[in-house]
Protein backbone atom coordinates (compact mmCIF):
# COMPACT_ATOMS: atom_id res chain seq x y z
CA UNK A 1 29.32 -67.64 -78.51
CA UNK A 2 28.12 -64.75 -76.51
CA UNK A 3 29.90 -63.13 -73.66
CA UNK A 4 27.98 -60.74 -70.61
CA UNK A 5 29.11 -57.59 -70.48
CA UNK A 6 28.80 -56.23 -66.62
CA UNK A 7 28.98 -52.73 -65.48
CA UNK A 8 32.15 -52.33 -63.35
CA UNK A 9 32.13 -48.65 -62.92
CA UNK A 10 31.10 -48.11 -59.27
CA UNK A 11 32.75 -50.74 -58.15
CA UNK A 12 36.02 -48.85 -59.52
CA UNK A 13 34.83 -45.60 -58.08
CA UNK A 14 36.73 -44.90 -54.30
CA UNK A 15 35.06 -46.55 -51.14
CA UNK A 16 37.49 -45.18 -48.36
CA UNK A 17 38.32 -41.46 -47.88
CA UNK A 18 41.09 -40.63 -49.34
CA UNK A 19 44.61 -40.67 -48.33
CA UNK A 20 47.22 -39.34 -50.70
CA UNK A 21 46.85 -36.72 -52.32
CA UNK A 22 48.03 -37.32 -55.89
CA UNK A 23 49.98 -34.53 -57.69
CA UNK A 24 47.87 -33.15 -60.05
CA UNK A 25 44.88 -32.82 -56.51
CA UNK A 26 48.10 -31.33 -54.68
CA UNK A 27 48.49 -28.76 -57.14
CA UNK A 28 44.89 -27.69 -57.72
CA UNK A 29 44.51 -26.47 -53.89
CA UNK A 30 47.92 -25.05 -53.98
CA UNK A 31 46.55 -23.42 -56.16
CA UNK A 32 43.36 -21.91 -54.71
CA UNK A 33 43.16 -18.18 -53.25
CA UNK A 34 41.43 -19.85 -49.56
CA UNK A 35 43.14 -22.68 -47.04
CA UNK A 36 42.09 -25.39 -48.04
CA UNK A 37 41.92 -28.83 -45.92
CA UNK A 38 40.90 -32.51 -46.29
CA UNK A 39 40.12 -34.46 -43.27
CA UNK A 40 39.04 -37.71 -42.44
CA UNK A 41 36.63 -38.71 -39.33
CA UNK A 42 37.94 -40.85 -36.45
CA UNK A 43 35.82 -43.12 -35.68
CA UNK A 44 35.89 -45.15 -31.80
CA UNK A 45 34.38 -48.26 -31.25
CA UNK A 46 31.25 -47.83 -31.61
CA UNK A 47 31.32 -45.98 -34.89
CA UNK A 48 30.83 -42.74 -33.56
CA UNK A 49 33.18 -39.66 -34.68
CA UNK A 50 35.34 -38.39 -32.00
CA UNK A 51 38.39 -36.29 -33.72
CA UNK A 52 38.93 -35.57 -37.74
CA UNK A 53 42.53 -36.44 -38.79
CA UNK A 54 44.22 -33.78 -41.39
CA UNK A 55 44.77 -36.15 -44.18
CA UNK A 56 45.63 -32.91 -47.40
CA UNK A 57 46.39 -29.27 -46.98
CA UNK A 58 47.36 -26.62 -49.12
CA UNK A 59 50.53 -24.60 -49.55
CA UNK A 60 47.93 -21.49 -48.32
CA UNK A 61 47.27 -23.81 -44.90
CA UNK A 62 50.54 -24.34 -44.18
CA UNK A 63 51.24 -20.66 -44.39
CA UNK A 64 48.70 -19.59 -42.04
CA UNK A 65 49.23 -22.04 -39.34
CA UNK A 66 53.08 -21.27 -39.91
CA UNK A 67 54.12 -25.48 -40.31
CA UNK A 68 55.81 -27.63 -42.01
CA UNK A 69 53.42 -29.68 -44.12
CA UNK A 70 54.46 -32.82 -42.74
CA UNK A 71 53.53 -31.14 -38.93
CA UNK A 72 50.18 -30.69 -40.23
CA UNK A 73 49.72 -34.16 -42.23
CA UNK A 74 48.06 -36.96 -39.83
CA UNK A 75 47.37 -33.98 -36.64
CA UNK A 76 44.03 -34.11 -35.09
CA UNK A 77 41.57 -31.51 -35.60
CA UNK A 78 41.86 -30.86 -31.36
CA UNK A 79 45.26 -31.12 -31.23
CA UNK A 80 45.36 -28.12 -33.96
CA UNK A 81 42.03 -26.08 -32.50
CA UNK A 82 41.86 -27.55 -29.10
CA UNK A 83 38.79 -25.29 -28.37
CA UNK A 84 36.97 -26.64 -31.29
CA UNK A 85 34.50 -28.93 -29.16
CA UNK A 86 34.04 -26.17 -27.29
CA UNK A 87 32.96 -23.31 -29.70
CA UNK A 88 30.57 -26.08 -31.53
CA UNK A 89 33.38 -26.34 -34.33
CA UNK A 90 33.57 -29.73 -34.18
CA UNK A 91 29.61 -30.12 -33.65
CA UNK A 92 28.89 -28.64 -36.99
CA UNK A 93 31.64 -31.01 -38.76
CA UNK A 94 30.39 -34.16 -37.23
CA UNK A 95 26.59 -32.23 -38.70
CA UNK A 96 28.44 -32.15 -42.02
CA UNK A 97 28.85 -35.46 -42.56
CA UNK A 98 25.75 -37.29 -40.81
CA UNK A 99 23.74 -35.08 -42.72
CA UNK A 100 25.66 -34.72 -45.73
CA UNK A 101 25.30 -31.00 -45.16
CA UNK A 102 27.65 -28.37 -46.19
CA UNK A 103 28.14 -26.26 -42.88
CA UNK A 104 29.34 -23.02 -42.91
CA UNK A 105 30.48 -21.48 -39.25
CA UNK A 106 32.62 -18.52 -38.79
CA UNK A 107 35.41 -19.92 -36.04
CA UNK A 108 38.44 -17.53 -34.48
CA UNK A 109 41.93 -18.68 -33.08
CA UNK A 110 44.91 -16.96 -32.06
CA UNK A 111 47.71 -17.30 -34.57
CA UNK A 112 51.10 -15.49 -33.93
CA UNK A 113 49.30 -13.98 -30.87
CA UNK A 114 46.64 -12.01 -32.72
CA UNK A 115 42.79 -13.58 -33.28
CA UNK A 116 42.14 -14.50 -36.50
CA UNK A 117 38.26 -15.11 -37.83
CA UNK A 118 37.32 -17.57 -40.73
CA UNK A 119 34.75 -18.15 -42.67
CA UNK A 120 34.57 -22.05 -42.71
CA UNK A 121 32.66 -24.32 -45.33
CA UNK A 122 32.70 -28.04 -44.52
CA UNK A 123 31.25 -30.08 -47.13
CA UNK A 124 31.19 -33.67 -46.91
CA UNK A 125 33.04 -35.93 -49.49
CA UNK A 126 32.92 -39.76 -47.60
CA UNK A 127 33.81 -40.12 -44.58
CA UNK A 128 35.73 -36.84 -44.50
CA UNK A 129 35.03 -32.96 -45.05
CA UNK A 130 36.75 -31.12 -47.73
CA UNK A 131 37.46 -27.28 -45.33
CA UNK A 132 37.66 -24.77 -47.27
CA UNK A 133 38.96 -21.48 -44.90
CA UNK A 134 38.07 -17.69 -45.99
CA UNK A 135 40.32 -15.71 -43.78
CA UNK A 136 37.55 -12.57 -42.99
CA UNK A 137 39.67 -10.76 -39.73
CA UNK A 138 39.85 -7.60 -41.60
CA UNK A 139 35.95 -7.16 -41.93
CA UNK A 140 35.37 -8.82 -38.45
CA UNK A 141 37.22 -5.58 -37.43
CA UNK A 142 35.10 -3.43 -39.48
CA UNK A 143 31.87 -4.72 -37.72
CA UNK A 144 33.75 -4.78 -34.01
CA UNK A 145 34.63 -1.57 -34.28
CA UNK A 146 31.17 -0.30 -36.00
CA UNK A 147 29.76 -2.86 -32.53
CA UNK A 148 31.28 -0.76 -30.07
CA UNK A 149 31.00 2.93 -32.43
CA UNK A 150 27.19 1.95 -32.08
CA UNK A 151 27.24 0.18 -28.65
CA UNK A 152 28.77 3.97 -27.83
CA UNK A 153 26.64 5.93 -29.37
CA UNK A 154 23.52 4.00 -27.98
CA UNK A 155 25.31 5.06 -24.20
CA UNK A 156 25.35 8.73 -24.95
CA UNK A 157 21.76 8.50 -26.22
CA UNK A 158 21.03 7.03 -23.04
CA UNK A 159 22.24 9.21 -21.08
CA UNK A 160 20.11 11.88 -22.18
CA UNK A 161 17.08 12.85 -20.63
CA UNK A 162 15.56 14.03 -23.68
CA UNK A 163 14.06 11.17 -25.98
CA UNK A 164 15.95 10.57 -29.24
CA UNK A 165 15.30 8.77 -31.88
CA UNK A 166 16.85 8.80 -35.54
CA UNK A 167 14.84 8.14 -38.43
CA UNK A 168 16.15 7.29 -42.72
CA UNK A 169 13.19 9.19 -44.86
CA UNK A 170 11.81 6.74 -46.99
CA UNK A 171 10.83 7.29 -50.13
CA UNK A 172 8.26 6.82 -53.10
CA UNK A 173 9.48 6.05 -56.85
CA UNK A 174 9.12 9.91 -57.67
CA UNK A 175 10.97 11.00 -55.13
CA UNK A 176 8.78 11.83 -52.30
CA UNK A 177 9.27 11.06 -48.54
CA UNK A 178 6.11 8.85 -46.96
CA UNK A 179 7.44 7.61 -44.50
CA UNK A 180 10.26 7.03 -42.21
CA UNK A 181 12.46 4.44 -40.71
CA UNK A 182 13.65 4.58 -37.24
CA UNK A 183 16.64 3.60 -36.91
CA UNK A 184 17.76 3.41 -33.15
CA UNK A 185 16.00 5.29 -30.37
CA UNK A 186 17.66 5.57 -26.33
CA UNK A 187 15.03 4.44 -23.01
CA UNK A 188 13.96 7.81 -22.62
CA UNK A 189 11.69 7.31 -25.37
CA UNK A 190 9.69 4.58 -22.60
CA UNK A 191 9.06 7.53 -20.72
CA UNK A 192 7.47 9.67 -22.60
CA UNK A 193 5.91 6.62 -25.38
CA UNK A 194 5.17 3.91 -23.03
CA UNK A 195 6.88 1.76 -26.07
CA UNK A 196 10.06 0.27 -25.08
CA UNK A 197 12.42 0.90 -27.71
CA UNK A 198 12.90 -2.26 -29.18
CA UNK A 199 9.25 -1.71 -30.61
CA UNK A 200 10.05 1.34 -32.06
CA UNK A 201 13.53 0.77 -34.12
CA UNK A 202 13.26 -1.13 -36.91
CA UNK A 203 9.73 -0.03 -37.29
CA UNK A 204 7.91 2.81 -39.82
CA UNK A 205 6.69 6.54 -37.49
CA UNK A 206 3.62 5.67 -39.59
CA UNK A 207 3.04 3.04 -38.55
CA UNK A 208 3.59 2.69 -34.73
CA UNK A 209 2.59 6.12 -34.84
CA UNK A 210 0.14 7.43 -37.18
CA UNK A 211 -1.42 10.27 -35.43
CA UNK A 212 2.04 12.24 -37.22
CA UNK A 213 0.17 13.49 -40.03
CA UNK A 214 -2.98 14.95 -37.77
CA UNK A 215 -0.58 16.61 -35.30
CA UNK A 216 1.63 18.35 -38.20
CA UNK A 217 4.48 16.61 -37.07
CA UNK A 218 4.87 14.05 -40.07
CA UNK A 219 5.43 17.75 -41.88
CA UNK A 220 7.38 18.89 -39.84
CA UNK A 221 10.32 16.04 -39.64
CA UNK A 222 9.84 16.34 -44.15
CA UNK A 223 10.61 20.15 -44.63
CA UNK A 224 13.46 19.31 -41.81
CA UNK A 225 15.09 17.12 -44.14
CA UNK A 226 14.56 18.62 -47.20
CA UNK A 227 15.54 21.65 -46.62
CA UNK A 228 18.25 20.67 -43.97
CA UNK A 229 17.33 23.19 -41.38
CA UNK A 230 16.94 22.63 -37.49
CA UNK A 231 13.88 23.36 -36.10
CA UNK A 232 11.79 23.00 -33.25
CA UNK A 233 8.09 22.64 -32.34
CA UNK A 234 6.04 22.12 -30.21
CA UNK A 235 2.31 20.12 -30.82
CA UNK A 236 -0.32 18.47 -29.61
CA UNK A 237 -0.46 15.00 -30.71
CA UNK A 238 -3.10 11.34 -30.34
CA UNK A 239 -3.63 8.69 -32.39
CA UNK A 240 -5.89 5.82 -32.29
CA UNK A 241 -3.39 3.33 -30.42
CA UNK A 242 -4.27 5.71 -27.56
CA UNK A 243 -1.41 7.53 -27.37
CA UNK A 244 -2.60 11.42 -26.12
CA UNK A 245 -0.50 13.94 -25.54
CA UNK A 246 2.15 17.23 -25.61
CA UNK A 247 5.34 17.30 -27.05
CA UNK A 248 8.05 19.92 -27.35
CA UNK A 249 10.04 18.51 -30.24
CA UNK A 250 13.51 19.72 -32.25
CA UNK A 251 15.20 18.02 -35.52
CA UNK A 252 17.93 17.96 -37.09
CA UNK A 253 18.89 16.68 -40.48
CA UNK A 254 22.37 14.70 -40.70
CA UNK A 255 23.17 13.57 -43.69
CA UNK A 256 21.28 12.59 -46.23
CA UNK A 257 17.56 11.63 -45.73
CA UNK A 258 18.59 11.23 -42.06
CA UNK A 259 17.48 13.50 -39.67
CA UNK A 260 17.40 12.84 -35.01
CA UNK A 261 14.54 14.07 -33.22
CA UNK A 262 14.61 14.98 -30.11
CA UNK A 263 11.56 15.41 -27.48
CA UNK A 264 10.44 15.65 -24.57
CA UNK A 265 6.82 14.69 -23.49
CA UNK A 266 5.22 17.81 -21.84
CA UNK A 267 1.87 17.23 -20.94
CA UNK A 268 1.73 17.72 -17.60
CA UNK A 269 3.46 20.54 -17.28
CA UNK A 270 1.06 21.81 -19.91
CA UNK A 271 -1.84 21.30 -18.52
CA UNK A 272 -0.22 23.37 -15.63
CA UNK A 273 0.58 26.24 -18.04
CA UNK A 274 -3.65 25.91 -19.41
CA UNK A 275 -4.62 25.87 -16.06
CA UNK A 276 -2.61 28.55 -14.74
CA UNK A 277 -3.98 30.62 -17.80
CA UNK A 278 -7.65 29.36 -17.35
CA UNK A 279 -7.06 30.51 -13.27
CA UNK A 280 -5.38 33.42 -14.96
CA UNK A 281 -8.55 34.39 -16.94
CA UNK A 282 -10.68 33.81 -14.07
CA UNK A 283 -8.74 35.71 -11.72
CA UNK A 284 -8.94 38.72 -14.19
CA UNK A 285 -12.57 38.16 -14.83
CA UNK A 286 -13.00 37.88 -10.73
CA UNK A 287 -10.47 41.15 -10.18
CA UNK A 288 -13.25 43.12 -12.19
CA UNK A 289 -16.21 41.61 -11.06
CA UNK A 290 -15.29 42.46 -7.49
CA UNK A 291 -14.02 46.29 -8.84
CA UNK A 292 -17.18 46.76 -10.60
CA UNK A 293 -19.14 44.84 -7.23
CA UNK A 294 -16.47 47.73 -4.91
CA UNK A 295 -17.18 50.60 -6.72
CA UNK A 296 -21.36 49.91 -6.64
CA UNK A 297 -20.73 48.62 -2.92
CA UNK A 298 -19.27 51.91 -2.17
CA UNK A 299 -20.91 54.30 -3.81
CA UNK A 300 -24.83 52.69 -2.89
CA UNK A 301 -23.36 52.48 0.86
CA UNK A 302 -22.20 55.71 0.68
CA UNK A 303 -24.64 57.10 -0.22
CA UNK A 304 -27.43 56.10 2.12
CA UNK A 305 -24.84 56.76 4.69
CA UNK A 306 -24.36 60.47 3.96
CA UNK A 307 -28.14 60.77 3.64
CA UNK A 308 -28.27 59.29 7.69
CA UNK A 309 -25.62 61.84 7.98
CA UNK A 310 -27.46 64.62 6.63
CA UNK A 311 -30.81 63.84 8.81
CA UNK A 312 -29.03 63.46 11.51
CA UNK A 313 -27.69 67.17 11.06
CA UNK A 314 -31.38 68.40 10.28
CA UNK A 315 -32.88 66.96 13.69
CA UNK A 316 -30.22 68.10 15.70
CA UNK A 317 -30.66 71.67 13.87
CA UNK A 318 -34.35 71.35 15.14
CA UNK A 319 -33.66 70.06 18.28
CA UNK A 320 -31.41 73.36 18.96
CA UNK A 321 -29.57 73.11 22.19
CA UNK A 322 -31.48 70.61 24.51
CA UNK A 323 -29.84 68.64 26.40
CA UNK A 324 -31.54 65.27 26.87
CA UNK A 325 -31.46 61.84 25.02
CA UNK A 326 -32.36 62.80 22.15
CA UNK A 327 -29.06 65.23 20.97
CA UNK A 328 -26.90 62.61 22.51
CA UNK A 329 -28.66 59.72 19.70
CA UNK A 330 -28.37 61.78 17.12
CA UNK A 331 -24.48 61.99 17.64
CA UNK A 332 -24.00 58.02 18.62
CA UNK A 333 -25.91 57.52 14.73
CA UNK A 334 -23.25 60.45 13.41
CA UNK A 335 -20.36 58.83 14.70
CA UNK A 336 -21.68 55.53 13.55
CA UNK A 337 -22.35 56.99 10.16
CA UNK A 338 -18.70 58.25 9.85
CA UNK A 339 -17.06 54.82 10.79
CA UNK A 340 -19.51 53.14 8.91
CA UNK A 341 -18.03 55.04 6.28
CA UNK A 342 -14.51 55.16 6.89
CA UNK A 343 -14.61 51.49 6.56
CA UNK A 344 -16.25 51.69 3.13
CA UNK A 345 -13.75 53.71 1.97
CA UNK A 346 -10.91 51.93 3.03
CA UNK A 347 -12.45 48.94 1.98
CA UNK A 348 -12.12 49.86 -1.38
CA UNK A 349 -8.64 51.29 -1.47
CA UNK A 350 -7.51 47.73 -0.01
CA UNK A 351 -9.62 45.92 -3.19
CA UNK A 352 -7.73 48.17 -5.56
CA UNK A 353 -4.51 47.06 -4.55
CA UNK A 354 -5.38 43.57 -5.59
CA UNK A 355 -6.78 44.68 -9.04
CA UNK A 356 -4.75 47.01 -9.95
CA UNK A 357 -1.16 47.72 -10.75
CA UNK A 358 -0.32 50.73 -12.77
CA UNK A 359 3.09 50.79 -14.47
CA UNK A 360 5.59 52.47 -11.73
CA UNK A 361 6.87 55.90 -12.48
CA UNK A 362 9.86 58.06 -10.79
CA UNK A 363 8.97 59.63 -7.46
CA UNK A 364 10.79 61.87 -5.22
CA UNK A 365 9.98 60.34 -1.90
CA UNK A 366 10.38 64.20 -0.08
CA UNK A 367 8.05 65.50 -2.69
CA UNK A 368 5.64 63.29 -2.08
CA UNK A 369 5.39 63.19 1.69
CA UNK A 370 5.07 66.75 1.91
CA UNK A 371 1.67 66.69 0.17
CA UNK A 372 0.39 64.13 2.88
CA UNK A 373 2.29 66.51 5.72
CA UNK A 374 0.06 69.15 4.24
CA UNK A 375 -3.44 66.77 4.07
CA UNK A 376 -2.61 66.35 7.92
CA UNK A 377 -1.86 69.62 8.89
CA UNK A 378 -4.71 70.08 11.04
CA UNK A 379 -4.27 67.44 13.19
CA UNK A 380 0.24 68.04 13.43
CA UNK A 381 -1.63 71.79 14.58
CA UNK A 382 -4.14 69.96 17.60
CA UNK A 383 -1.59 67.96 18.01
CA UNK A 384 1.56 69.90 18.13
CA UNK A 385 3.24 67.73 16.36
CA UNK A 386 6.42 67.88 15.21
CA UNK A 387 7.80 65.97 12.61
CA UNK A 388 11.20 65.32 10.92
CA UNK A 389 11.35 64.37 7.59
CA UNK A 390 15.58 63.27 6.24
CA UNK A 391 16.43 63.64 2.92
CA UNK A 392 15.28 60.63 1.04
CA UNK A 393 15.73 58.98 -3.04
CA UNK A 394 13.51 58.88 -5.76
CA UNK A 395 12.13 55.48 -6.33
CA UNK A 396 10.04 53.88 -9.31
CA UNK A 397 6.46 53.22 -7.98
CA UNK A 398 2.80 53.91 -7.89
CA UNK A 399 2.03 57.84 -6.77
CA UNK A 400 -1.45 56.84 -5.60
CA UNK A 401 -0.43 53.64 -3.29
CA UNK A 402 2.32 55.05 -1.63
CA UNK A 403 0.92 57.88 -0.86
CA UNK A 404 -1.64 56.12 0.93
CA UNK A 405 1.22 54.48 2.73
CA UNK A 406 2.43 57.23 4.39
CA UNK A 407 -0.83 58.66 4.99
CA UNK A 408 -1.23 55.60 6.75
CA UNK A 409 1.65 55.49 8.56
CA UNK A 410 1.96 59.18 9.49
CA UNK A 411 -2.28 59.56 10.38
CA UNK A 412 -1.50 56.51 12.74
CA UNK A 413 1.40 58.53 14.42
CA UNK A 414 -0.58 61.48 15.48
CA UNK A 415 -3.41 59.31 16.45
CA UNK A 416 -2.00 56.46 18.79
CA UNK A 417 0.43 59.49 20.49
CA UNK A 418 -0.62 60.74 24.35
CA UNK A 419 -3.05 62.93 25.18
CA UNK A 420 -0.29 65.21 26.87
CA UNK A 421 2.45 64.85 25.07
CA UNK A 422 3.43 66.40 21.22
CA UNK A 423 3.78 63.68 19.04
CA UNK A 424 7.23 63.73 17.52
CA UNK A 425 8.36 61.51 14.54
CA UNK A 426 11.24 61.07 12.32
CA UNK A 427 10.67 59.96 8.42
CA UNK A 428 14.82 58.70 8.11
CA UNK A 429 16.52 56.32 5.88
CA UNK A 430 19.44 54.90 4.50
CA UNK A 431 20.76 52.07 1.86
CA UNK A 432 21.60 48.33 3.25
CA UNK A 433 23.55 45.13 1.47
CA UNK A 434 21.48 42.22 0.77
CA UNK A 435 23.41 40.83 4.31
CA UNK A 436 22.73 43.53 6.11
CA UNK A 437 18.94 42.84 6.31
CA UNK A 438 16.98 41.66 9.55
CA UNK A 439 16.52 38.25 9.84
CA UNK A 440 13.07 36.86 9.94
CA UNK A 441 12.55 39.41 6.84
CA UNK A 442 10.01 37.47 3.91
CA UNK A 443 9.53 39.15 0.71
CA UNK A 444 6.24 37.61 -0.75
CA UNK A 445 6.20 39.41 -4.34
CA UNK A 446 10.19 39.08 -5.56
CA UNK A 447 10.63 40.95 -9.48
CA UNK A 448 12.59 38.11 -12.01
CA UNK A 449 15.68 39.87 -11.53
CA UNK A 450 16.07 39.57 -7.83
CA UNK A 451 15.37 35.23 -7.98
CA UNK A 452 17.91 34.36 -6.69
CA UNK A 453 18.94 36.86 -5.10
CA UNK A 454 22.75 38.38 -5.38
CA UNK A 455 24.75 39.25 -3.04
CA UNK A 456 24.72 43.01 -4.95
CA UNK A 457 21.18 43.89 -4.50
CA UNK A 458 20.73 47.02 -2.68
CA UNK A 459 17.85 47.92 -0.56
CA UNK A 460 16.04 51.31 0.76
CA UNK A 461 15.54 51.06 4.53
CA UNK A 462 12.68 54.15 5.19
CA UNK A 463 12.10 54.51 9.37
CA UNK A 464 9.04 55.65 10.51
CA UNK A 465 9.59 56.05 14.48
CA UNK A 466 7.46 57.99 17.15
CA UNK A 467 7.22 58.35 21.05
CA UNK A 468 3.41 57.14 21.23
CA UNK A 469 1.79 54.70 22.89
CA UNK A 470 3.46 51.73 21.38
CA UNK A 471 2.27 48.55 21.59
CA UNK A 472 3.37 44.57 22.30
CA UNK A 473 5.72 42.78 20.77
CA UNK A 474 3.58 39.72 20.30
CA UNK A 475 1.38 41.99 18.13
CA UNK A 476 4.10 42.88 15.47
CA UNK A 477 2.51 40.62 13.11
CA UNK A 478 -0.91 40.47 13.75
CA UNK A 479 -1.66 44.17 13.16
CA UNK A 480 -0.74 43.74 9.31
CA UNK A 481 -4.51 41.68 9.46
CA UNK A 482 -6.99 42.84 7.86
CA UNK A 483 -9.51 44.26 10.73
CA UNK A 484 -7.38 43.07 13.47
CA UNK A 485 -7.80 46.20 16.23
CA UNK A 486 -6.19 46.49 19.12
CA UNK A 487 -8.05 48.87 20.70
CA UNK A 488 -12.00 49.00 20.76
CA UNK A 489 -14.05 51.45 18.59
CA UNK A 490 -15.51 53.21 21.07
CA UNK A 491 -12.08 54.21 22.90
CA UNK A 492 -10.12 57.21 21.55
CA UNK A 493 -7.93 54.77 19.16
CA UNK A 494 -10.38 53.79 17.08
CA UNK A 495 -10.27 52.36 13.22
CA UNK A 496 -11.11 50.42 10.82
CA UNK A 497 -8.41 48.00 11.00
CA UNK A 498 -7.49 48.22 7.69
CA UNK A 499 -4.95 51.05 7.86
CA UNK A 500 -1.61 48.56 8.63
CA UNK A 501 -3.24 45.98 6.08
CA UNK A 502 -3.19 48.32 3.14
CA UNK A 503 0.20 49.37 4.73
CA UNK A 504 1.38 45.54 4.08
CA UNK A 505 -0.33 45.50 0.62
CA UNK A 506 1.29 48.97 -1.19
CA UNK A 507 4.58 47.28 0.22
CA UNK A 508 4.39 44.15 -1.28
CA UNK A 509 3.08 45.71 -4.07
CA UNK A 510 6.65 47.60 -4.80
CA UNK A 511 8.76 43.83 -3.68
CA UNK A 512 9.05 45.58 -0.31
CA UNK A 513 8.91 44.15 2.84
CA UNK A 514 7.42 45.73 6.32
CA UNK A 515 8.45 45.05 9.61
CA UNK A 516 7.34 46.74 13.20
CA UNK A 517 8.84 47.00 16.51
CA UNK A 518 7.37 48.58 19.81
CA UNK A 519 7.10 48.37 23.26
CA UNK A 520 4.09 49.33 25.12
CA UNK A 521 4.10 53.16 25.64
CA UNK A 522 7.79 53.40 24.18
CA UNK A 523 6.73 53.92 20.92
CA UNK A 524 6.50 52.04 17.91
CA UNK A 525 9.08 51.95 14.66
CA UNK A 526 8.30 50.69 11.42
CA UNK A 527 11.28 50.05 8.50
CA UNK A 528 9.92 49.75 5.33
CA UNK A 529 12.98 47.50 2.72
CA UNK A 530 12.44 48.68 -0.74
CA UNK A 531 14.85 46.31 -3.30
CA UNK A 532 16.58 50.17 -5.19
CA UNK A 533 15.94 48.19 -8.43
CA UNK A 534 13.02 46.12 -10.26
């Protein structure tokens, strides 16, 4: 008789969740270093999981929760961890059972007034889960501190007006630097590189900015990385991506293979600099051409004028003492030629004041004015003028220009006088402080040391006062403009209209300012202000 044999192994396997742990199972779980829990799903009438019930816990879990084992067994997940649903932990447990796939999740929970972080591995077993809790609080605190430091560093970087990028060198097998990894970038890079920081960080330098090799910046970064010597440079950059600009760059090494570059896009200022340089070069060429023209014009114009005057002299000799209109016409021709000659000479002087700036030298103003008075000796005697000159300082300046200045002012004082009244001219000086300067006085040009003006700056005030015919106060600015005359060419006070324009230009060439005061019929006062040191 044959007896059939039936395999009943499967029938003997547990089909219900584990409810009661064996002594061996409990001992194994208690020996584990991590917290271990076995919990079963709690389902409603529709078989939906609505909670989990703790069935088995090991000693580590008991110690962690600070409760007795009996207080944990049978407790629900949502009772022990009320935040399980809101944090997503409950759903991850549900997914582990329904998908029959292990789930790994980070979860924080306050224990003993301290936030504790766990790395939980939920492994499905029947209609329950084996939970392994690994305390990762120390790691999370370190990560949080690192994150806070990174945020503080980023905030500091973003507060900088300069663009900042930190980079790590990338080397090949032979140890040669072949590229750099851009690790952090502040907000300013978007202004200078036209790319947001997130399109820069985490990328290789030469991938995003391939023009670094051609511009020489890549070798610059390599040198700083290898030598550790901080350096800076200004370079023109262009690449195939359309970026074209001038940059001023500083690089400093911060640890092995780590460098920080600080840079600014200076394209606008560089273009202005190049334009200014070109303008200066053009101005120099223009001034040279103007000087050559002025010299040629002076020579070419003066020569025919001399011939006109010479021919007029010959005609007068031939006509002798005749009293007809011919002699009068010749005299008018000579007068016109003389005025034209003076005008050409003044034009040449005025043009040279703008194009020639010799180095200043110490000049005794008393000696200089003494020489000027010697040149004006005939006019002084004819007018019976009285010239008083106080003790004047020695200043730094250009001898020929300052001579021209005082020659023009003193000759004007002699010329613009009453016929019946001897001219009386006084030249005086005093030192004054910045706060004593007259209101409204402007300095078109200032030396570097006077920008900005400081309270300690002092000035020479040099005054030239006369008792001549004066002028109306409303003309006190107009008289310094080129070709501005207050009197007719045919009257006794004729001139080229350039004398005071030359005076003003000389004063400005010496970083000074000039002003005039007068009332018609009451003489004129000219005050010159020159910085004592420039």
